[in-house]
């Protein structure tokens, strides 16, 4: 996928995680798993986000770890861990930490072009 941040003139290219159907004989649910790569050529930053699948016994669901890297200097600037749909803890290279609860973030509606102005491969 490609995400354009027009106000910053940045273009992010990213892959998507795999989705796994779980508990299809009882109460079904979907779990994300695998690695996602995100990169921005303009800024020189990239990130790797790993979606960890729940072990057969024990463990947590929706767990992620991530690492943000400044490619020109080969420096890891931030690491993150937590749950993609819950609390995430970010640790920066300067030792600072920040915790974000994704459930408390505001919902921002996406802006899309009118269908008549979309290309043949675009999707709402």
N, C-alpha and C. Protein backbone atom coordinates (compact mmCIF):
# COMPACT_ATOMS: atom_id res chain seq x y z
N UNK A 1 0.82 -1.18 0.00
CA UNK A 1 0.00 0.00 0.00
C UNK A 1 0.87 1.24 0.00
N UNK A 2 0.25 2.34 -0.32
CA UNK A 2 0.92 3.64 -0.32
C UNK A 2 0.01 4.62 0.41
N UNK A 3 0.59 5.36 1.35
CA UNK A 3 -0.12 6.38 2.11
C UNK A 3 0.55 7.71 1.85
N UNK A 4 -0.22 8.68 1.38
CA UNK A 4 0.30 10.02 1.13
C UNK A 4 -0.12 10.93 2.27
N UNK A 5 0.84 11.61 2.89
CA UNK A 5 0.55 12.63 3.88
C UNK A 5 0.79 13.97 3.19
N UNK A 6 -0.27 14.49 2.61
CA UNK A 6 -0.14 15.68 1.77
C UNK A 6 0.40 16.88 2.52
N UNK A 7 -0.03 17.07 3.78
CA UNK A 7 0.42 18.24 4.54
C UNK A 7 1.91 18.18 4.86
N UNK A 8 2.53 17.00 4.78
CA UNK A 8 3.96 16.86 5.04
C UNK A 8 4.74 16.52 3.77
N UNK A 9 4.04 16.36 2.67
CA UNK A 9 4.65 15.95 1.39
C UNK A 9 5.46 14.67 1.54
N UNK A 10 4.87 13.69 2.26
CA UNK A 10 5.53 12.41 2.48
C UNK A 10 4.71 11.28 1.88
N UNK A 11 5.42 10.27 1.40
CA UNK A 11 4.79 9.10 0.81
C UNK A 11 5.35 7.87 1.53
N UNK A 12 4.46 7.11 2.16
CA UNK A 12 4.86 5.92 2.88
C UNK A 12 4.42 4.68 2.12
N UNK A 13 5.35 3.80 1.87
CA UNK A 13 5.06 2.53 1.21
C UNK A 13 5.08 1.46 2.29
N UNK A 14 4.06 0.60 2.32
CA UNK A 14 3.98 -0.38 3.39
C UNK A 14 3.40 -1.71 2.90
N UNK A 15 3.76 -2.75 3.62
CA UNK A 15 3.17 -4.07 3.39
C UNK A 15 2.09 -4.26 4.45
N UNK A 16 1.33 -5.32 4.33
CA UNK A 16 0.25 -5.61 5.27
C UNK A 16 0.49 -6.93 5.98
N UNK A 17 -0.02 -7.07 7.21
CA UNK A 17 0.14 -8.35 7.91
C UNK A 17 -0.82 -9.40 7.35
N UNK A 18 -0.56 -10.63 7.68
CA UNK A 18 -1.47 -11.72 7.33
C UNK A 18 -2.61 -11.74 8.34
N UNK A 19 -3.77 -12.21 7.90
CA UNK A 19 -4.91 -12.36 8.80
C UNK A 19 -5.23 -13.85 8.91
N UNK A 20 -5.41 -14.31 10.14
CA UNK A 20 -5.68 -15.73 10.39
C UNK A 20 -7.04 -15.88 11.05
N UNK A 21 -7.86 -16.79 10.53
CA UNK A 21 -9.16 -17.09 11.15
C UNK A 21 -8.91 -18.08 12.28
N UNK A 22 -9.36 -17.74 13.47
CA UNK A 22 -9.15 -18.58 14.65
C UNK A 22 -10.49 -19.02 15.22
N UNK A 23 -10.47 -20.17 15.90
CA UNK A 23 -11.64 -20.72 16.60
C UNK A 23 -12.86 -20.82 15.69
N UNK A 24 -12.67 -21.36 14.50
CA UNK A 24 -13.79 -21.41 13.56
C UNK A 24 -14.90 -22.36 14.00
N UNK A 25 -14.61 -23.26 14.96
CA UNK A 25 -15.65 -24.17 15.44
C UNK A 25 -16.40 -23.63 16.66
N UNK A 26 -15.86 -22.58 17.28
CA UNK A 26 -16.53 -21.98 18.44
C UNK A 26 -16.88 -20.53 18.10
N UNK A 27 -16.35 -19.58 18.85
CA UNK A 27 -16.58 -18.17 18.54
C UNK A 27 -15.42 -17.68 17.68
N UNK A 28 -15.66 -17.47 16.40
CA UNK A 28 -14.55 -17.10 15.50
C UNK A 28 -14.04 -15.68 15.75
N UNK A 29 -12.73 -15.52 15.50
CA UNK A 29 -12.10 -14.20 15.58
C UNK A 29 -10.92 -14.19 14.63
N UNK A 30 -10.46 -13.00 14.29
CA UNK A 30 -9.37 -12.85 13.33
C UNK A 30 -8.14 -12.33 14.06
N UNK A 31 -7.01 -12.93 13.74
CA UNK A 31 -5.74 -12.53 14.35
C UNK A 31 -4.78 -12.08 13.25
N UNK A 32 -4.04 -11.00 13.52
CA UNK A 32 -3.03 -10.52 12.59
C UNK A 32 -1.68 -11.15 12.94
N UNK A 33 -0.87 -11.45 11.94
CA UNK A 33 0.44 -12.04 12.19
C UNK A 33 1.41 -11.72 11.07
N UNK A 34 2.68 -11.70 11.40
CA UNK A 34 3.71 -11.47 10.40
C UNK A 34 4.35 -10.11 10.53
N UNK A 35 5.26 -9.82 9.58
CA UNK A 35 6.00 -8.55 9.61
C UNK A 35 5.44 -7.58 8.59
N UNK A 36 5.42 -6.32 8.99
CA UNK A 36 5.02 -5.23 8.12
C UNK A 36 6.21 -4.29 7.99
N UNK A 37 6.51 -3.90 6.77
CA UNK A 37 7.60 -2.95 6.53
C UNK A 37 7.00 -1.64 6.04
N UNK A 38 7.46 -0.53 6.60
CA UNK A 38 7.00 0.80 6.23
C UNK A 38 8.23 1.63 5.91
N UNK A 39 8.18 2.38 4.81
CA UNK A 39 9.34 3.22 4.49
C UNK A 39 8.90 4.52 3.82
N UNK A 40 9.70 5.55 4.05
CA UNK A 40 9.48 6.85 3.44
C UNK A 40 10.80 7.31 2.83
N UNK A 41 10.88 7.36 1.52
CA UNK A 41 12.11 7.74 0.84
C UNK A 41 12.50 9.19 1.15
N UNK A 42 11.52 10.07 1.28
CA UNK A 42 11.80 11.49 1.51
C UNK A 42 12.50 11.72 2.85
N UNK A 43 12.04 11.07 3.91
CA UNK A 43 12.61 11.29 5.24
C UNK A 43 13.78 10.37 5.55
N UNK A 44 13.84 9.23 4.85
CA UNK A 44 14.89 8.26 5.12
C UNK A 44 14.59 7.35 6.30
N UNK A 45 13.37 7.40 6.81
CA UNK A 45 12.99 6.55 7.93
C UNK A 45 12.26 5.30 7.41
N UNK A 46 12.43 4.21 8.16
CA UNK A 46 11.67 2.99 7.88
C UNK A 46 11.31 2.34 9.21
N UNK A 47 10.32 1.49 9.18
CA UNK A 47 9.90 0.78 10.38
C UNK A 47 9.57 -0.65 10.04
N UNK A 48 9.82 -1.52 10.99
CA UNK A 48 9.41 -2.91 10.90
C UNK A 48 8.49 -3.17 12.08
N UNK A 49 7.28 -3.61 11.79
CA UNK A 49 6.30 -3.92 12.83
C UNK A 49 6.02 -5.41 12.75
N UNK A 50 6.19 -6.10 13.87
CA UNK A 50 5.93 -7.53 13.92
C UNK A 50 4.65 -7.78 14.71
N UNK A 51 3.69 -8.40 14.05
CA UNK A 51 2.44 -8.80 14.70
C UNK A 51 2.63 -10.24 15.18
N UNK A 52 2.63 -10.45 16.49
CA UNK A 52 2.88 -11.76 17.07
C UNK A 52 1.56 -12.51 17.22
N UNK A 53 1.54 -13.73 16.71
CA UNK A 53 0.33 -14.54 16.88
C UNK A 53 0.33 -15.18 18.27
N UNK A 54 -0.85 -15.43 18.77
CA UNK A 54 -1.00 -16.01 20.10
C UNK A 54 -0.54 -17.47 20.08
N UNK A 55 0.27 -17.85 21.05
CA UNK A 55 0.65 -19.27 21.14
C UNK A 55 -0.57 -20.14 21.41
N UNK A 56 -0.46 -21.43 21.10
CA UNK A 56 -1.58 -22.35 21.28
C UNK A 56 -2.06 -22.35 22.74
N UNK A 57 -1.13 -22.36 23.69
CA UNK A 57 -1.49 -22.30 25.11
C UNK A 57 -0.92 -21.03 25.73
N UNK A 58 -1.74 -20.31 26.46
CA UNK A 58 -1.28 -19.10 27.14
C UNK A 58 -0.99 -17.98 26.17
N UNK A 59 -0.28 -16.97 26.62
CA UNK A 59 0.10 -15.84 25.78
C UNK A 59 -1.02 -14.85 25.60
N UNK A 60 -0.69 -13.73 24.97
CA UNK A 60 -1.65 -12.66 24.74
C UNK A 60 -1.97 -12.53 23.26
N UNK A 61 -3.13 -11.95 22.99
CA UNK A 61 -3.51 -11.69 21.60
C UNK A 61 -3.18 -10.23 21.25
N UNK A 62 -3.09 -9.95 19.96
CA UNK A 62 -2.90 -8.60 19.42
C UNK A 62 -1.57 -7.94 19.83
N UNK A 63 -0.56 -8.74 20.13
CA UNK A 63 0.73 -8.21 20.57
C UNK A 63 1.58 -7.80 19.37
N UNK A 64 2.25 -6.65 19.50
CA UNK A 64 3.14 -6.16 18.45
C UNK A 64 4.45 -5.66 19.05
N UNK A 65 5.49 -5.73 18.26
CA UNK A 65 6.75 -5.06 18.56
C UNK A 65 7.14 -4.32 17.29
N UNK A 66 7.88 -3.23 17.46
CA UNK A 66 8.26 -2.42 16.30
C UNK A 66 9.60 -1.76 16.53
N UNK A 67 10.22 -1.38 15.41
CA UNK A 67 11.50 -0.71 15.45
C UNK A 67 11.53 0.32 14.32
N UNK A 68 11.86 1.57 14.66
CA UNK A 68 11.96 2.64 13.66
C UNK A 68 13.43 2.96 13.46
N UNK A 69 13.82 3.06 12.20
CA UNK A 69 15.23 3.24 11.88
C UNK A 69 15.42 4.44 10.94
N UNK A 70 16.47 5.21 11.19
CA UNK A 70 16.86 6.28 10.27
C UNK A 70 17.92 5.67 9.36
N UNK A 71 17.53 5.37 8.14
CA UNK A 71 18.39 4.61 7.23
C UNK A 71 19.71 5.29 6.86
N UNK A 72 19.74 6.61 6.60
CA UNK A 72 21.02 7.23 6.22
C UNK A 72 22.11 7.07 7.29
N UNK A 73 21.70 7.04 8.57
CA UNK A 73 22.70 6.90 9.64
C UNK A 73 22.69 5.50 10.25
N UNK A 74 21.78 4.64 9.77
CA UNK A 74 21.63 3.28 10.29
C UNK A 74 21.39 3.27 11.82
N UNK A 75 20.62 4.26 12.29
CA UNK A 75 20.36 4.42 13.72
C UNK A 75 18.92 4.00 14.05
N UNK A 76 18.77 3.20 15.10
CA UNK A 76 17.43 2.87 15.58
C UNK A 76 16.99 4.01 16.49
N UNK A 77 15.93 4.69 16.11
CA UNK A 77 15.49 5.87 16.85
C UNK A 77 14.36 5.57 17.83
N UNK A 78 13.67 4.46 17.64
CA UNK A 78 12.54 4.16 18.52
C UNK A 78 12.21 2.67 18.45
N UNK A 79 11.81 2.13 19.59
CA UNK A 79 11.27 0.77 19.66
C UNK A 79 9.92 0.85 20.34
N UNK A 80 9.02 -0.04 19.96
CA UNK A 80 7.69 -0.05 20.55
C UNK A 80 7.27 -1.48 20.85
N UNK A 81 6.41 -1.62 21.85
CA UNK A 81 5.85 -2.93 22.18
C UNK A 81 4.51 -2.73 22.85
N UNK A 82 3.66 -3.72 22.73
CA UNK A 82 2.35 -3.65 23.36
C UNK A 82 1.31 -4.34 22.51
N UNK A 83 0.10 -3.82 22.54
CA UNK A 83 -1.01 -4.38 21.78
C UNK A 83 -1.50 -3.34 20.79
N UNK A 84 -1.67 -3.75 19.53
CA UNK A 84 -2.04 -2.80 18.50
C UNK A 84 -3.42 -2.19 18.74
N UNK A 85 -4.26 -2.86 19.50
CA UNK A 85 -5.59 -2.33 19.79
C UNK A 85 -5.73 -1.96 21.27
N UNK A 86 -4.62 -1.66 21.93
CA UNK A 86 -4.64 -1.32 23.35
C UNK A 86 -3.53 -0.34 23.69
N UNK A 87 -2.69 -0.72 24.64
CA UNK A 87 -1.62 0.16 25.11
C UNK A 87 -0.31 -0.18 24.41
N UNK A 88 0.36 0.86 23.92
CA UNK A 88 1.67 0.72 23.28
C UNK A 88 2.67 1.56 24.04
N UNK A 89 3.87 1.00 24.28
CA UNK A 89 4.94 1.73 24.95
C UNK A 89 6.06 1.96 23.95
N UNK A 90 6.44 3.23 23.78
CA UNK A 90 7.50 3.63 22.87
C UNK A 90 8.73 4.01 23.68
N UNK A 91 9.90 3.48 23.28
CA UNK A 91 11.17 3.82 23.92
C UNK A 91 12.07 4.43 22.85
N UNK A 92 12.49 5.67 23.09
CA UNK A 92 13.30 6.40 22.12
C UNK A 92 14.79 6.24 22.43
N UNK A 93 15.62 6.52 21.43
CA UNK A 93 17.07 6.33 21.57
C UNK A 93 17.67 7.22 22.64
N UNK A 94 17.00 8.31 23.00
CA UNK A 94 17.51 9.19 24.05
C UNK A 94 17.08 8.74 25.45
N UNK A 95 16.40 7.58 25.54
CA UNK A 95 15.96 7.04 26.83
C UNK A 95 14.55 7.42 27.22
N UNK A 96 13.96 8.37 26.52
CA UNK A 96 12.59 8.80 26.81
C UNK A 96 11.60 7.69 26.46
N UNK A 97 10.55 7.57 27.26
CA UNK A 97 9.49 6.60 26.96
C UNK A 97 8.16 7.32 26.90
N UNK A 98 7.26 6.76 26.14
CA UNK A 98 5.92 7.32 26.00
C UNK A 98 4.94 6.16 25.89
N UNK A 99 3.80 6.28 26.57
CA UNK A 99 2.77 5.24 26.52
C UNK A 99 1.53 5.84 25.87
N UNK A 100 0.98 5.11 24.90
CA UNK A 100 -0.23 5.56 24.22
C UNK A 100 -1.28 4.47 24.33
N UNK A 101 -2.48 4.86 24.76
CA UNK A 101 -3.62 3.96 24.80
C UNK A 101 -4.42 4.22 23.54
N UNK A 102 -4.39 3.30 22.59
CA UNK A 102 -5.06 3.51 21.30
C UNK A 102 -6.57 3.64 21.47
N UNK A 103 -7.12 3.12 22.55
CA UNK A 103 -8.56 3.24 22.77
C UNK A 103 -8.98 4.66 23.11
N UNK A 104 -8.03 5.50 23.52
CA UNK A 104 -8.33 6.89 23.89
C UNK A 104 -8.00 7.89 22.78
N UNK A 105 -7.50 7.41 21.66
CA UNK A 105 -7.18 8.30 20.55
C UNK A 105 -8.47 8.73 19.84
N UNK A 106 -8.51 9.96 19.33
CA UNK A 106 -9.72 10.40 18.62
C UNK A 106 -9.85 9.67 17.28
N UNK A 107 -11.08 9.46 16.86
CA UNK A 107 -11.34 8.84 15.57
C UNK A 107 -11.41 9.96 14.54
N UNK A 108 -10.57 9.87 13.52
CA UNK A 108 -10.54 10.88 12.47
C UNK A 108 -11.04 10.23 11.18
N UNK A 109 -12.12 10.79 10.66
CA UNK A 109 -12.69 10.24 9.43
C UNK A 109 -11.73 10.44 8.27
N UNK A 110 -11.62 9.44 7.43
CA UNK A 110 -10.73 9.56 6.28
C UNK A 110 -11.38 10.42 5.21
N UNK A 111 -10.54 11.10 4.45
CA UNK A 111 -11.01 11.94 3.36
C UNK A 111 -10.74 11.20 2.07
N UNK A 112 -11.77 11.10 1.26
CA UNK A 112 -11.60 10.41 -0.03
C UNK A 112 -12.10 11.30 -1.15
N UNK A 113 -11.54 11.09 -2.32
CA UNK A 113 -12.01 11.82 -3.50
C UNK A 113 -13.35 11.26 -3.92
N UNK A 114 -14.15 12.06 -4.59
CA UNK A 114 -15.41 11.53 -5.14
C UNK A 114 -15.12 10.36 -6.07
N UNK A 115 -16.01 9.40 -6.12
CA UNK A 115 -15.81 8.20 -6.93
C UNK A 115 -15.49 8.57 -8.38
N UNK A 116 -16.15 9.58 -8.90
CA UNK A 116 -15.93 9.98 -10.30
C UNK A 116 -14.49 10.45 -10.55
N UNK A 117 -13.79 10.89 -9.50
CA UNK A 117 -12.42 11.38 -9.65
C UNK A 117 -11.38 10.34 -9.24
N UNK A 118 -11.83 9.15 -8.86
CA UNK A 118 -10.90 8.09 -8.46
C UNK A 118 -10.44 7.31 -9.68
N UNK A 119 -9.22 6.78 -9.58
CA UNK A 119 -8.68 5.95 -10.65
C UNK A 119 -9.33 4.58 -10.66
N UNK A 120 -9.11 3.80 -11.72
CA UNK A 120 -9.76 2.49 -11.84
C UNK A 120 -9.32 1.48 -10.78
N UNK A 121 -8.15 1.67 -10.16
CA UNK A 121 -7.67 0.72 -9.15
C UNK A 121 -7.83 1.23 -7.73
N UNK A 122 -8.49 2.40 -7.55
CA UNK A 122 -8.69 2.92 -6.21
C UNK A 122 -9.93 2.28 -5.57
N UNK A 123 -9.93 2.29 -4.25
CA UNK A 123 -11.05 1.68 -3.53
C UNK A 123 -11.46 2.60 -2.40
N UNK A 124 -12.76 2.70 -2.17
CA UNK A 124 -13.24 3.48 -1.04
C UNK A 124 -13.07 2.68 0.21
